[in-house]
Amino acid sequence: MRAVTLLVSVAVLAGCKPAEPARPQRLDLEPATPDVMMQSPDTSEAFWSVDEDGQAILFGNEGEPPLMSIACRLDANPPQLAIIRHAAARPGLSALFPVIGNGMRSRFLVDAKLSEGEWRWEGTLPADDPQLDVFTGTRDITATLPGRGMLEIAGSRIPGEFVNWCRTGGQALQPEAEGGETASE
């Protein structure tokens, strides 16, 4: 019986045509929209300004779109700050965005997000996150997004005041009087 089964199997296999060899396929390994390394923008005349709605500060050259912004989201509990680098981004990508200044080094995880008609890099943190202290001094800051250049940001009190304002839930900070007491005490 085994011999018959074996003979039938051999006969069936002999009647089969050999498979054609697989043909090579050409694949395009170039991305659909190639990334182009951006030069660091000239920020020698750039400055911080408060956005029209008062919920964000913008860094850039006068009359041009912002290069970077920090937005306060008071409706979140606790309040959050979004660090936004306005530079071309492709959907689905993430990056580390190092910011150095005021005696600190922070690395913000940013994702490509579509917002206000542009793909940009954005990361959100609770407003009390200690990494945000990189913005709270008045010294120069550098912010580098790999492939998108470095921003050289002149020292300013505006980012620190804005971060602290957001941390207090949008409440105005009271100036300190002599002796360490606030003016309202």
C-alpha atoms as a PDB file:
ATOM      1  CA  MET A   1       0.000   0.000   0.000  1.00  0.00           C
ATOM      2  CA  ARG A   2       2.799   2.362   0.842  1.00  0.00           C
ATOM      3  CA  ALA A   3       4.483   1.653  -2.443  1.00  0.00           C
ATOM      4  CA  VAL A   4       1.321   2.529  -4.366  1.00  0.00           C
ATOM      5  CA  THR A   5       0.899   5.805  -2.443  1.00  0.00           C
ATOM      6  CA  LEU A   6       4.518   6.649  -3.094  1.00  0.00           C
ATOM      7  CA  LEU A   7       4.182   5.916  -6.842  1.00  0.00           C
ATOM      8  CA  VAL A   8       1.015   8.026  -7.105  1.00  0.00           C
ATOM      9  CA  SER A   9       2.699  10.915  -5.291  1.00  0.00           C
ATOM     10  CA  VAL A  10       5.713  10.777  -7.606  1.00  0.00           C
ATOM     11  CA  ALA A  11       3.439  10.676 -10.674  1.00  0.00           C
ATOM     12  CA  VAL A  12       1.465  13.689  -9.466  1.00  0.00           C
ATOM     13  CA  LEU A  13       4.633  15.659  -8.768  1.00  0.00           C
ATOM     14  CA  ALA A  14       6.083  14.733 -12.143  1.00  0.00           C
ATOM     15  CA  GLY A  15       3.036  16.250 -13.855  1.00  0.00           C
ATOM     16  CA  CYS A  16       3.541  19.626 -12.132  1.00  0.00           C
ATOM     17  CA  LYS A  17       5.314  22.393 -13.951  1.00  0.00           C
ATOM     18  CA  PRO A  18       8.334  23.823 -12.182  1.00  0.00           C
ATOM     19  CA  ALA A  19       7.689  27.132 -10.536  1.00  0.00           C
ATOM     20  CA  GLU A  20       8.984  30.185 -12.331  1.00  0.00           C
ATOM     21  CA  PRO A  21      11.844  31.874 -10.538  1.00  0.00           C
ATOM     22  CA  ALA A  22      10.857  34.995  -8.602  1.00  0.00           C
ATOM     23  CA  ARG A  23      11.453  38.123 -10.594  1.00  0.00           C
ATOM     24  CA  PRO A  24      13.294  40.941  -8.888  1.00  0.00           C
ATOM     25  CA  GLN A  25      11.219  43.977  -8.046  1.00  0.00           C
ATOM     26  CA  ARG A  26      12.493  47.502  -7.972  1.00  0.00           C
ATOM     27  CA  LEU A  27      11.663  49.461  -4.807  1.00  0.00           C
ATOM     28  CA  ASP A  28      12.027  53.209  -4.450  1.00  0.00           C
ATOM     29  CA  LEU A  29      13.769  53.803  -1.126  1.00  0.00           C
ATOM     30  CA  GLU A  30      13.602  57.595  -1.350  1.00  0.00           C
ATOM     31  CA  PRO A  31      10.955  59.189   0.885  1.00  0.00           C
ATOM     32  CA  ALA A  32       7.935  60.703  -0.829  1.00  0.00           C
ATOM     33  CA  THR A  33       8.909  64.135   0.496  1.00  0.00           C
ATOM     34  CA  PRO A  34      12.648  64.195   1.058  1.00  0.00           C
ATOM     35  CA  ASP A  35      13.919  65.918   4.162  1.00  0.00           C
ATOM     36  CA  VAL A  36      16.161  68.838   3.451  1.00  0.00           C
ATOM     37  CA  MET A  37      18.536  69.992   6.143  1.00  0.00           C
ATOM     38  CA  MET A  38      17.597  73.522   7.090  1.00  0.00           C
ATOM     39  CA  GLN A  39      20.177  76.158   7.857  1.00  0.00           C
ATOM     40  CA  SER A  40      19.950  77.875  11.197  1.00  0.00           C
ATOM     41  CA  PRO A  41      17.852  81.010  10.716  1.00  0.00           C
ATOM     42  CA  ASP A  42      19.298  84.442  11.385  1.00  0.00           C
ATOM     43  CA  THR A  43      17.930  85.413  14.779  1.00  0.00           C
ATOM     44  CA  SER A  44      20.135  88.462  15.388  1.00  0.00           C
ATOM     45  CA  GLU A  45      17.056  90.724  15.188  1.00  0.00           C
ATOM     46  CA  ALA A  46      14.506  88.213  16.555  1.00  0.00           C
ATOM     47  CA  PHE A  47      12.596  88.834  19.780  1.00  0.00           C
ATOM     48  CA  TRP A  48       9.823  87.439  21.997  1.00  0.00           C
ATOM     49  CA  SER A  49       6.321  88.891  21.727  1.00  0.00           C
ATOM     50  CA  VAL A  50       2.999  88.026  23.329  1.00  0.00           C
ATOM     51  CA  ASP A  51       0.433  86.471  20.985  1.00  0.00           C
ATOM     52  CA  GLU A  52      -2.805  88.389  20.370  1.00  0.00           C
ATOM     53  CA  ASP A  53      -4.824  86.091  22.646  1.00  0.00           C
ATOM     54  CA  GLY A  54      -2.281  86.368  25.487  1.00  0.00           C
ATOM     55  CA  GLN A  55      -2.044  82.575  25.772  1.00  0.00           C
ATOM     56  CA  ALA A  56       1.319  82.193  23.993  1.00  0.00           C
ATOM     57  CA  ILE A  57       4.613  83.924  23.376  1.00  0.00           C
ATOM     58  CA  LEU A  58       6.228  83.919  19.955  1.00  0.00           C
ATOM     59  CA  PHE A  59       9.905  84.123  19.035  1.00  0.00           C
ATOM     60  CA  GLY A  60      10.823  85.373  15.586  1.00  0.00           C
ATOM     61  CA  ASN A  61      11.787  88.202  13.310  1.00  0.00           C
ATOM     62  CA  GLU A  62       9.393  91.114  12.865  1.00  0.00           C
ATOM     63  CA  GLY A  63       6.907  90.635  10.031  1.00  0.00           C
ATOM     64  CA  GLU A  64       7.735  86.913   9.629  1.00  0.00           C
ATOM     65  CA  PRO A  65       6.083  83.746  10.954  1.00  0.00           C
ATOM     66  CA  PRO A  66       7.372  82.661  14.382  1.00  0.00           C
ATOM     67  CA  LEU A  67      10.336  80.304  14.624  1.00  0.00           C
ATOM     68  CA  MET A  68       9.333  79.033  18.058  1.00  0.00           C
ATOM     69  CA  SER A  69       6.494  79.578  20.467  1.00  0.00           C
ATOM     70  CA  ILE A  70       5.461  78.601  23.962  1.00  0.00           C
ATOM     71  CA  ALA A  71       1.728  78.244  24.566  1.00  0.00           C
ATOM     72  CA  CYS A  72      -0.072  77.997  27.914  1.00  0.00           C
ATOM     73  CA  ARG A  73      -3.068  75.704  28.116  1.00  0.00           C
ATOM     74  CA  LEU A  74      -4.950  76.915  31.161  1.00  0.00           C
ATOM     75  CA  ASP A  75      -7.953  74.657  30.445  1.00  0.00           C
ATOM     76  CA  ALA A  76      -5.839  71.562  31.285  1.00  0.00           C
ATOM     77  CA  ASN A  77      -5.661  70.411  34.883  1.00  0.00           C
ATOM     78  CA  PRO A  78      -2.916  71.098  35.871  1.00  0.00           C
ATOM     79  CA  PRO A  79      -2.041  73.836  33.352  1.00  0.00           C
ATOM     80  CA  GLN A  80       0.268  72.739  30.548  1.00  0.00           C
ATOM     81  CA  LEU A  81       2.868  74.419  28.398  1.00  0.00           C
ATOM     82  CA  ALA A  82       3.407  73.494  24.769  1.00  0.00           C
ATOM     83  CA  ILE A  83       6.855  74.020  23.261  1.00  0.00           C
ATOM     84  CA  ILE A  84       6.426  74.542  19.518  1.00  0.00           C
ATOM     85  CA  ARG A  85       9.191  74.700  16.923  1.00  0.00           C
ATOM     86  CA  HIS A  86       7.741  76.099  13.718  1.00  0.00           C
ATOM     87  CA  ALA A  87       9.746  74.084  11.197  1.00  0.00           C
ATOM     88  CA  ALA A  88       8.733  71.581   8.529  1.00  0.00           C
ATOM     89  CA  ALA A  89       7.730  68.210   9.982  1.00  0.00           C
ATOM     90  CA  ARG A  90       6.507  64.958   8.461  1.00  0.00           C
ATOM     91  CA  PRO A  91       3.559  63.051   9.934  1.00  0.00           C
ATOM     92  CA  GLY A  92       4.394  60.287  12.382  1.00  0.00           C
ATOM     93  CA  LEU A  93       7.848  61.535  13.365  1.00  0.00           C
ATOM     94  CA  SER A  94       9.200  62.373  16.821  1.00  0.00           C
ATOM     95  CA  ALA A  95      12.422  64.054  17.906  1.00  0.00           C
ATOM     96  CA  LEU A  96      14.302  65.320  20.918  1.00  0.00           C
ATOM     97  CA  PHE A  97      14.480  69.107  21.023  1.00  0.00           C
ATOM     98  CA  PRO A  98      17.388  70.196  23.242  1.00  0.00           C
ATOM     99  CA  VAL A  99      17.218  73.664  24.780  1.00  0.00           C
ATOM    100  CA  ILE A 100      20.254  75.003  26.646  1.00  0.00           C
ATOM    101  CA  GLY A 101      20.353  78.140  28.745  1.00  0.00           C
ATOM    102  CA  ASN A 102      20.161  79.689  32.180  1.00  0.00           C
ATOM    103  CA  GLY A 103      22.524  77.049  33.574  1.00  0.00           C
ATOM    104  CA  MET A 104      20.275  74.188  32.405  1.00  0.00           C
ATOM    105  CA  ARG A 105      19.968  71.619  29.658  1.00  0.00           C
ATOM    106  CA  SER A 106      16.510  70.339  28.832  1.00  0.00           C
ATOM    107  CA  ARG A 107      15.446  67.862  26.179  1.00  0.00           C
ATOM    108  CA  PHE A 108      11.839  68.053  25.094  1.00  0.00           C
ATOM    109  CA  LEU A 109      10.187  65.171  23.242  1.00  0.00           C
ATOM    110  CA  VAL A 110       8.351  66.741  20.312  1.00  0.00           C
ATOM    111  CA  ASP A 111       6.058  65.145  17.747  1.00  0.00           C
ATOM    112  CA  ALA A 112       5.060  66.223  14.272  1.00  0.00           C
ATOM    113  CA  LYS A 113       1.572  67.742  14.551  1.00  0.00           C
ATOM    114  CA  LEU A 114      -0.748  69.421  12.099  1.00  0.00           C
ATOM    115  CA  SER A 115      -1.994  72.637  13.639  1.00  0.00           C
ATOM    116  CA  GLU A 116      -3.159  75.931  12.193  1.00  0.00           C
ATOM    117  CA  GLY A 117      -2.446  74.670   8.670  1.00  0.00           C
ATOM    118  CA  GLU A 118       1.197  73.704   9.246  1.00  0.00           C
ATOM    119  CA  TRP A 119       3.065  70.523  10.150  1.00  0.00           C
ATOM    120  CA  ARG A 120       5.256  71.541  13.049  1.00  0.00           C
ATOM    121  CA  TRP A 121       7.096  70.073  16.035  1.00  0.00           C
ATOM    122  CA  GLU A 122       5.236  70.229  19.337  1.00  0.00           C
ATOM    123  CA  GLY A 123       5.697  68.845  22.842  1.00  0.00           C
ATOM    124  CA  THR A 124       3.428  69.408  25.844  1.00  0.00           C
ATOM    125  CA  LEU A 125       4.377  69.219  29.506  1.00  0.00           C
ATOM    126  CA  PRO A 126       2.719  70.094  32.813  1.00  0.00           C
ATOM    127  CA  ALA A 127       3.537  73.735  33.551  1.00  0.00           C
ATOM    128  CA  ASP A 128       5.329  72.756  36.772  1.00  0.00           C
ATOM    129  CA  ASP A 129       7.773  70.419  34.974  1.00  0.00           C
ATOM    130  CA  PRO A 130      11.307  71.408  36.101  1.00  0.00           C
ATOM    131  CA  GLN A 131      12.616  71.090  32.520  1.00  0.00           C
ATOM    132  CA  LEU A 132      10.772  74.320  31.723  1.00  0.00           C
ATOM    133  CA  ASP A 133      13.072  76.202  34.108  1.00  0.00           C
ATOM    134  CA  VAL A 134      15.455  76.486  31.139  1.00  0.00           C
ATOM    135  CA  PHE A 135      13.236  79.410  30.071  1.00  0.00           C
ATOM    136  CA  THR A 136      12.939  81.114  33.479  1.00  0.00           C
ATOM    137  CA  GLY A 137      16.229  83.029  33.572  1.00  0.00           C
ATOM    138  CA  THR A 138      17.293  86.045  31.564  1.00  0.00           C
ATOM    139  CA  ARG A 139      20.372  84.546  29.871  1.00  0.00           C
ATOM    140  CA  ASP A 140      20.781  83.555  26.221  1.00  0.00           C
ATOM    141  CA  ILE A 141      19.243  80.265  25.072  1.00  0.00           C
ATOM    142  CA  THR A 142      20.027  77.911  22.200  1.00  0.00           C
ATOM    143  CA  ALA A 143      17.373  75.553  20.891  1.00  0.00           C
ATOM    144  CA  THR A 144      18.371  72.946  18.294  1.00  0.00           C
ATOM    145  CA  LEU A 145      16.030  70.678  16.383  1.00  0.00           C
ATOM    146  CA  PRO A 146      18.057  68.072  14.459  1.00  0.00           C
ATOM    147  CA  GLY A 147      17.871  68.813  10.741  1.00  0.00           C
ATOM    148  CA  ARG A 148      16.010  72.076  11.332  1.00  0.00           C
ATOM    149  CA  GLY A 149      18.810  74.288  12.584  1.00  0.00           C
ATOM    150  CA  MET A 150      19.644  76.037  15.815  1.00  0.00           C
ATOM    151  CA  LEU A 151      17.853  79.058  17.215  1.00  0.00           C
ATOM    152  CA  GLU A 152      20.062  81.496  19.089  1.00  0.00           C
ATOM    153  CA  ILE A 153      17.724  83.329  21.436  1.00  0.00           C
ATOM    154  CA  ALA A 154      18.930  86.496  23.147  1.00  0.00           C
ATOM    155  CA  GLY A 155      18.318  86.701  26.880  1.00  0.00           C
ATOM    156  CA  SER A 156      14.921  88.075  27.874  1.00  0.00           C
ATOM    157  CA  ARG A 157      12.654  88.179  30.927  1.00  0.00           C
ATOM    158  CA  ILE A 158       9.556  87.421  28.809  1.00  0.00           C
ATOM    159  CA  PRO A 159       9.828  83.577  28.663  1.00  0.00           C
ATOM    160  CA  GLY A 160      10.394  83.320  32.428  1.00  0.00           C
ATOM    161  CA  GLU A 161       7.488  85.591  33.259  1.00  0.00           C
ATOM    162  CA  PHE A 162       5.247  83.684  30.865  1.00  0.00           C
ATOM    163  CA  VAL A 163       6.190  80.250  32.277  1.00  0.00           C
ATOM    164  CA  ASN A 164       5.609  81.496  35.832  1.00  0.00           C
ATOM    165  CA  TRP A 165       2.291  83.091  34.824  1.00  0.00           C
ATOM    166  CA  CYS A 166       1.124  79.783  33.362  1.00  0.00           C
ATOM    167  CA  ARG A 167       2.311  77.871  36.436  1.00  0.00           C
ATOM    168  CA  THR A 168       0.060  80.060  38.621  1.00  0.00           C
ATOM    169  CA  GLY A 169      -2.949  79.254  36.441  1.00  0.00           C
ATOM    170  CA  GLY A 170      -2.894  82.619  34.682  1.00  0.00           C
ATOM    171  CA  GLN A 171      -2.817  84.693  37.850  1.00  0.00           C
ATOM    172  CA  ALA A 172      -0.727  87.850  37.887  1.00  0.00           C
ATOM    173  CA  LEU A 173       2.316  87.600  40.101  1.00  0.00           C
ATOM    174  CA  GLN A 174       2.537  90.084  42.955  1.00  0.00           C
ATOM    175  CA  PRO A 175       5.814  92.012  43.215  1.00  0.00           C
ATOM    176  CA  GLU A 176       7.757  91.543  46.429  1.00  0.00           C
ATOM    177  CA  ALA A 177       8.047  94.465  48.797  1.00  0.00           C
ATOM    178  CA  GLU A 178      11.081  95.004  50.997  1.00  0.00           C
ATOM    179  CA  GLY A 179      11.566  92.322  53.617  1.00  0.00           C
ATOM    180  CA  GLY A 180      10.322  89.494  51.366  1.00  0.00           C
ATOM    181  CA  GLU A 181       6.618  90.258  51.786  1.00  0.00           C
ATOM    182  CA  THR A 182       4.353  90.630  48.787  1.00  0.00           C
ATOM    183  CA  ALA A 183       2.871  94.059  48.111  1.00  0.00           C
ATOM    184  CA  SER A 184      -0.633  92.856  49.036  1.00  0.00           C
ATOM    185  CA  GLU A 185       0.324  91.729  52.565  1.00  0.00           C
END
